[in-house]
Amino acid sequence: MEPLEQQLVINNYRTIKKLGEGKQVTHYLAIDELHHRFCTLKLQKSSNDLVKFCKSSQAFVEEISALTKAKHPFVVEMIESFLWEDENKKMIWCIVLEHADGGNLYDNYIQKKEKVNEKIALNWLAQISLAFAHLSSVGLSNFNLLPHSIYLIGEKQRGTVKIGSLGYLKEEKAMIILEKYLAPEQLDGQNLQKKFLWSLGIIWYELLTGGEHPFDVEFNEGYLQRLPRLDFRQNPSISQEMKALLQLQLEKKSSERISINELLCHKTVKEKIVCFIEHCLFNEQDIDVLIIIDHRTVPTQLAPARDNQWAS
């Protein structure tokens, strides 16, 4: 019988189990005993290396600042942040986030090679695109999008996806995993404004095909160097409509790739945005933060009322 994990009591939060860890942070599932709800704690790792600990503290401050500005329906909510004295009498940072009960897209779909229905995948594409448009508007677009940092919240397969990490805290991920989501222009660091659209296209293709990659079958060192010579892989399980949208995102020349505004104005994606707006209006929620990019993204007239499920 495996020993039970030691529970930590941090203010009004009691840890239940460790969810994972990186170079600077340990993630815990916790219960908020004051409000009787689950949440996720990001707890700073202590270190006797003063330089390393100062860098870690700075990363936490930057992540907290970013999450404060990032408030949006499709970004994981930061409930609070504070300094806490650990068992060694050292003050370390703690970030409290809403709990993503559906886990992340990599662990629950891509790694398991589980396909996602096109309608649901399109929902998720629209939600993450809206989140990124907001993050760009507040100066928070300089992070690499990975399926590991997209979380599902709510009823599984019909829930909401949210961006859960803005890249300030170092995570333990092999470079070979990171590389498969990097845009071609990231090899030389030029014209990076559209790298998000490329990464989103790779993730979306993987979800639709059960973990397949649109350009390469097997990954090893030098993928980005080989990428210019690799062709887009046709997959019969993807509809023509979805394939056309994917190819707009996966143009190797960033100058020819679709922009975030153009993606949100695309007919297929805009129809989903209309559903989101209707859902907010039906539930008397504020839609100002949902649509924050230029006026072309918001349809001038909402479609007729329909079922409020976002997966319609």
Foldseek 3Di string as FASTA:
>chain_A
DDDADDWDCFPQKIFRDWPADFPFWTKTWIARNVVGAIWIKTWTDDDPPVVVSVLSQVLVVVFVVLLVQLDFPFAWHWPDKDWTQDPVRDTIIMIITHDQPQAFCCVPFQVQLHAADPLLLLLQLLSVLLSLVSSVVVPQNPAQDDSNQWGFHDDPSQTHIHGYGSHSHGGDDDVQRSVLQFALCVVVPPPCQLRRLSSSLQSSVSNRRRNQGQWDHDTDPPCSVCRVVTDGDDDPSDDPVRVVLSVLSNDNPPVSHDHSQRSLLPPSSLLLVLLVVLLCVVVVHDCCRSDPDDPSNHDPDRDPDDDNRSSD
